[in-house]
């Protein structure tokens, strides 16, 4: 099957496929990605705050 990034589109594609093996593979990959990357949402919010601060500083 190859590597599929565990973003929403890949997860939705696996759901729509109704293919148990594909669904399980994508779920495992998503769990591994979450384990490796931690809370991506929190990291993105921190990045966006830093961007805003730099923009305000450079005005």
C-alpha atoms as a PDB file:
ATOM      1  CA  UNK A   1       0.000   0.000   0.000  1.00  0.00           C
ATOM      2  CA  UNK A   2       2.854   2.419   0.633  1.00  0.00           C
ATOM      3  CA  UNK A   3       3.022   5.319   3.011  1.00  0.00           C
ATOM      4  CA  UNK A   4      -0.068   7.501   3.344  1.00  0.00           C
ATOM      5  CA  UNK A   5       0.136  10.602   5.510  1.00  0.00           C
ATOM      6  CA  UNK A   6      -2.415  10.448   8.303  1.00  0.00           C
ATOM      7  CA  UNK A   7      -4.163  13.651   7.432  1.00  0.00           C
ATOM      8  CA  UNK A   8      -7.932  13.901   7.348  1.00  0.00           C
ATOM      9  CA  UNK A   9      -8.132  13.144   3.625  1.00  0.00           C
ATOM     10  CA  UNK A  10      -6.231   9.867   3.968  1.00  0.00           C
ATOM     11  CA  UNK A  11      -8.354   8.842   6.940  1.00  0.00           C
ATOM     12  CA  UNK A  12     -11.575   9.711   5.117  1.00  0.00           C
ATOM     13  CA  UNK A  13     -10.357   7.821   2.037  1.00  0.00           C
ATOM     14  CA  UNK A  14      -9.710   4.745   4.177  1.00  0.00           C
ATOM     15  CA  UNK A  15     -13.177   5.053   5.708  1.00  0.00           C
ATOM     16  CA  UNK A  16     -14.793   5.349   2.298  1.00  0.00           C
ATOM     17  CA  UNK A  17     -12.869   2.358   0.953  1.00  0.00           C
ATOM     18  CA  UNK A  18     -14.613  -0.003   3.372  1.00  0.00           C
ATOM     19  CA  UNK A  19     -11.385  -2.046   3.121  1.00  0.00           C
ATOM     20  CA  UNK A  20     -10.588  -3.363   6.596  1.00  0.00           C
ATOM     21  CA  UNK A  21      -6.877  -3.906   5.885  1.00  0.00           C
ATOM     22  CA  UNK A  22      -6.507  -0.375   4.505  1.00  0.00           C
ATOM     23  CA  UNK A  23      -8.452   1.104   7.420  1.00  0.00           C
ATOM     24  CA  UNK A  24      -6.281  -0.730   9.954  1.00  0.00           C
ATOM     25  CA  UNK A  25      -3.071   0.306   8.178  1.00  0.00           C
ATOM     26  CA  UNK A  26      -4.076   3.975   8.077  1.00  0.00           C
ATOM     27  CA  UNK A  27      -5.162   3.844  11.739  1.00  0.00           C
ATOM     28  CA  UNK A  28      -1.794   2.388  12.775  1.00  0.00           C
ATOM     29  CA  UNK A  29       0.031   5.002  10.734  1.00  0.00           C
ATOM     30  CA  UNK A  30      -2.062   7.774  12.305  1.00  0.00           C
ATOM     31  CA  UNK A  31      -1.295   6.474  15.804  1.00  0.00           C
ATOM     32  CA  UNK A  32       2.414   6.358  14.999  1.00  0.00           C
ATOM     33  CA  UNK A  33       2.364   9.889  13.565  1.00  0.00           C
ATOM     34  CA  UNK A  34       0.589  11.211  16.670  1.00  0.00           C
ATOM     35  CA  UNK A  35       3.089   9.402  18.903  1.00  0.00           C
ATOM     36  CA  UNK A  36       6.059  10.876  17.013  1.00  0.00           C
ATOM     37  CA  UNK A  37       4.749  14.404  16.552  1.00  0.00           C
ATOM     38  CA  UNK A  38       2.764  14.921  19.708  1.00  0.00           C
ATOM     39  CA  UNK A  39       0.153  17.620  19.732  1.00  0.00           C
ATOM     40  CA  UNK A  40       0.483  19.164  16.295  1.00  0.00           C
ATOM     41  CA  UNK A  41      -2.424  21.543  16.949  1.00  0.00           C
ATOM     42  CA  UNK A  42      -0.707  23.086  19.976  1.00  0.00           C
ATOM     43  CA  UNK A  43       2.556  23.433  18.053  1.00  0.00           C
ATOM     44  CA  UNK A  44       0.750  25.153  15.172  1.00  0.00           C
ATOM     45  CA  UNK A  45      -0.955  27.587  17.551  1.00  0.00           C
ATOM     46  CA  UNK A  46       2.428  28.469  19.064  1.00  0.00           C
ATOM     47  CA  UNK A  47       3.848  29.032  15.582  1.00  0.00           C
ATOM     48  CA  UNK A  48       0.937  31.259  14.577  1.00  0.00           C
ATOM     49  CA  UNK A  49       1.346  33.318  17.756  1.00  0.00           C
ATOM     50  CA  UNK A  50       5.063  33.764  17.039  1.00  0.00           C
ATOM     51  CA  UNK A  51       4.257  34.861  13.494  1.00  0.00           C
ATOM     52  CA  UNK A  52       1.740  37.421  14.759  1.00  0.00           C
ATOM     53  CA  UNK A  53       4.252  38.778  17.285  1.00  0.00           C
ATOM     54  CA  UNK A  54       6.925  39.177  14.611  1.00  0.00           C
ATOM     55  CA  UNK A  55       4.492  40.886  12.255  1.00  0.00           C
ATOM     56  CA  UNK A  56       3.492  43.366  14.976  1.00  0.00           C
ATOM     57  CA  UNK A  57       7.138  43.959  15.878  1.00  0.00           C
ATOM     58  CA  UNK A  58       8.105  44.654  12.258  1.00  0.00           C
ATOM     59  CA  UNK A  59       5.344  47.219  11.643  1.00  0.00           C
END
